C-alpha atoms as a PDB file:
ATOM      1  CA  UNK A   1       0.000   0.000   0.000  1.00  0.00           C
ATOM      2  CA  UNK A   2       2.804   2.420   0.851  1.00  0.00           C
ATOM      3  CA  UNK A   3       4.564   1.546  -2.404  1.00  0.00           C
ATOM      4  CA  UNK A   4       1.515   2.622  -4.397  1.00  0.00           C
ATOM      5  CA  UNK A   5       1.349   5.926  -2.499  1.00  0.00           C
ATOM      6  CA  UNK A   6       5.048   6.554  -3.171  1.00  0.00           C
ATOM      7  CA  UNK A   7       4.655   5.793  -6.885  1.00  0.00           C
ATOM      8  CA  UNK A   8       1.641   8.102  -7.146  1.00  0.00           C
ATOM      9  CA  UNK A   9       3.469  10.837  -5.254  1.00  0.00           C
ATOM     10  CA  UNK A  10       6.527  10.555  -7.507  1.00  0.00           C
ATOM     11  CA  UNK A  11       4.295  10.614 -10.567  1.00  0.00           C
ATOM     12  CA  UNK A  12       2.526  13.771  -9.394  1.00  0.00           C
ATOM     13  CA  UNK A  13       5.800  15.484  -8.534  1.00  0.00           C
ATOM     14  CA  UNK A  14       7.108  14.657 -12.000  1.00  0.00           C
ATOM     15  CA  UNK A  15       3.980  15.965 -13.733  1.00  0.00           C
ATOM     16  CA  UNK A  16       3.910  19.217 -11.780  1.00  0.00           C
ATOM     17  CA  UNK A  17       7.612  19.866 -12.077  1.00  0.00           C
ATOM     18  CA  UNK A  18       7.655  19.629 -15.868  1.00  0.00           C
ATOM     19  CA  UNK A  19       6.439  23.222 -16.151  1.00  0.00           C
ATOM     20  CA  UNK A  20       8.856  24.527 -13.547  1.00  0.00           C
ATOM     21  CA  UNK A  21      12.016  25.848 -15.062  1.00  0.00           C
ATOM     22  CA  UNK A  22      13.670  24.919 -18.264  1.00  0.00           C
ATOM     23  CA  UNK A  23      12.710  26.294 -21.602  1.00  0.00           C
ATOM     24  CA  UNK A  24      14.163  29.249 -23.409  1.00  0.00           C
ATOM     25  CA  UNK A  25      12.727  32.510 -22.151  1.00  0.00           C
ATOM     26  CA  UNK A  26      15.131  34.870 -23.872  1.00  0.00           C
ATOM     27  CA  UNK A  27      13.706  37.728 -25.887  1.00  0.00           C
ATOM     28  CA  UNK A  28      15.406  38.485 -29.151  1.00  0.00           C
ATOM     29  CA  UNK A  29      15.270  42.027 -30.431  1.00  0.00           C
ATOM     30  CA  UNK A  30      14.827  42.644 -34.116  1.00  0.00           C
ATOM     31  CA  UNK A  31      17.470  44.728 -35.823  1.00  0.00           C
ATOM     32  CA  UNK A  32      15.602  45.162 -39.083  1.00  0.00           C
ATOM     33  CA  UNK A  33      14.726  48.555 -40.440  1.00  0.00           C
ATOM     34  CA  UNK A  34      11.544  49.683 -42.099  1.00  0.00           C
ATOM     35  CA  UNK A  35      13.354  49.735 -45.426  1.00  0.00           C
ATOM     36  CA  UNK A  36      14.561  46.159 -45.005  1.00  0.00           C
ATOM     37  CA  UNK A  37      11.115  44.931 -44.032  1.00  0.00           C
ATOM     38  CA  UNK A  38       9.521  46.670 -47.018  1.00  0.00           C
ATOM     39  CA  UNK A  39      12.219  45.303 -49.315  1.00  0.00           C
ATOM     40  CA  UNK A  40      11.700  41.760 -48.037  1.00  0.00           C
ATOM     41  CA  UNK A  41       7.951  42.165 -48.397  1.00  0.00           C
ATOM     42  CA  UNK A  42       8.315  43.434 -51.963  1.00  0.00           C
ATOM     43  CA  UNK A  43      10.565  40.504 -52.818  1.00  0.00           C
ATOM     44  CA  UNK A  44       8.030  38.037 -51.401  1.00  0.00           C
ATOM     45  CA  UNK A  45       5.270  39.618 -53.475  1.00  0.00           C
ATOM     46  CA  UNK A  46       7.317  39.660 -56.682  1.00  0.00           C
ATOM     47  CA  UNK A  47       8.275  36.002 -56.177  1.00  0.00           C
ATOM     48  CA  UNK A  48       4.606  35.049 -55.809  1.00  0.00           C
ATOM     49  CA  UNK A  49       4.943  33.981 -52.179  1.00  0.00           C
ATOM     50  CA  UNK A  50       2.182  36.333 -51.020  1.00  0.00           C
ATOM     51  CA  UNK A  51      -0.884  37.793 -52.706  1.00  0.00           C
ATOM     52  CA  UNK A  52      -1.472  41.441 -53.511  1.00  0.00           C
ATOM     53  CA  UNK A  53      -3.907  41.674 -50.600  1.00  0.00           C
ATOM     54  CA  UNK A  54      -1.385  40.142 -48.169  1.00  0.00           C
ATOM     55  CA  UNK A  55       1.251  42.513 -49.519  1.00  0.00           C
ATOM     56  CA  UNK A  56      -0.920  45.579 -48.955  1.00  0.00           C
ATOM     57  CA  UNK A  57      -1.966  44.477 -45.451  1.00  0.00           C
ATOM     58  CA  UNK A  58       1.610  43.705 -44.404  1.00  0.00           C
ATOM     59  CA  UNK A  59       2.856  46.977 -45.903  1.00  0.00           C
ATOM     60  CA  UNK A  60       0.244  48.920 -43.930  1.00  0.00           C
ATOM     61  CA  UNK A  61       1.264  47.074 -40.735  1.00  0.00           C
ATOM     62  CA  UNK A  62       4.929  47.909 -41.287  1.00  0.00           C
ATOM     63  CA  UNK A  63       4.198  51.579 -41.974  1.00  0.00           C
ATOM     64  CA  UNK A  64       2.025  51.788 -38.838  1.00  0.00           C
ATOM     65  CA  UNK A  65       4.777  50.295 -36.656  1.00  0.00           C
ATOM     66  CA  UNK A  66       7.287  52.918 -37.755  1.00  0.00           C
ATOM     67  CA  UNK A  67       5.002  55.949 -37.373  1.00  0.00           C
END
């Protein structure tokens, strides 16, 4: 009976400790400029990776961020 309690306790400790610690919590800053973002966006549009609508929406978002 005590063995079962110990196994259950160890199982619960393992489950609850999975979320404690570990994992990468670093924040990486972007060093891109508005010009670089617009250039990359233009390239994606010209290569057919995104649609005209996606291009316009993303362009508006970029311009808003740098206002």
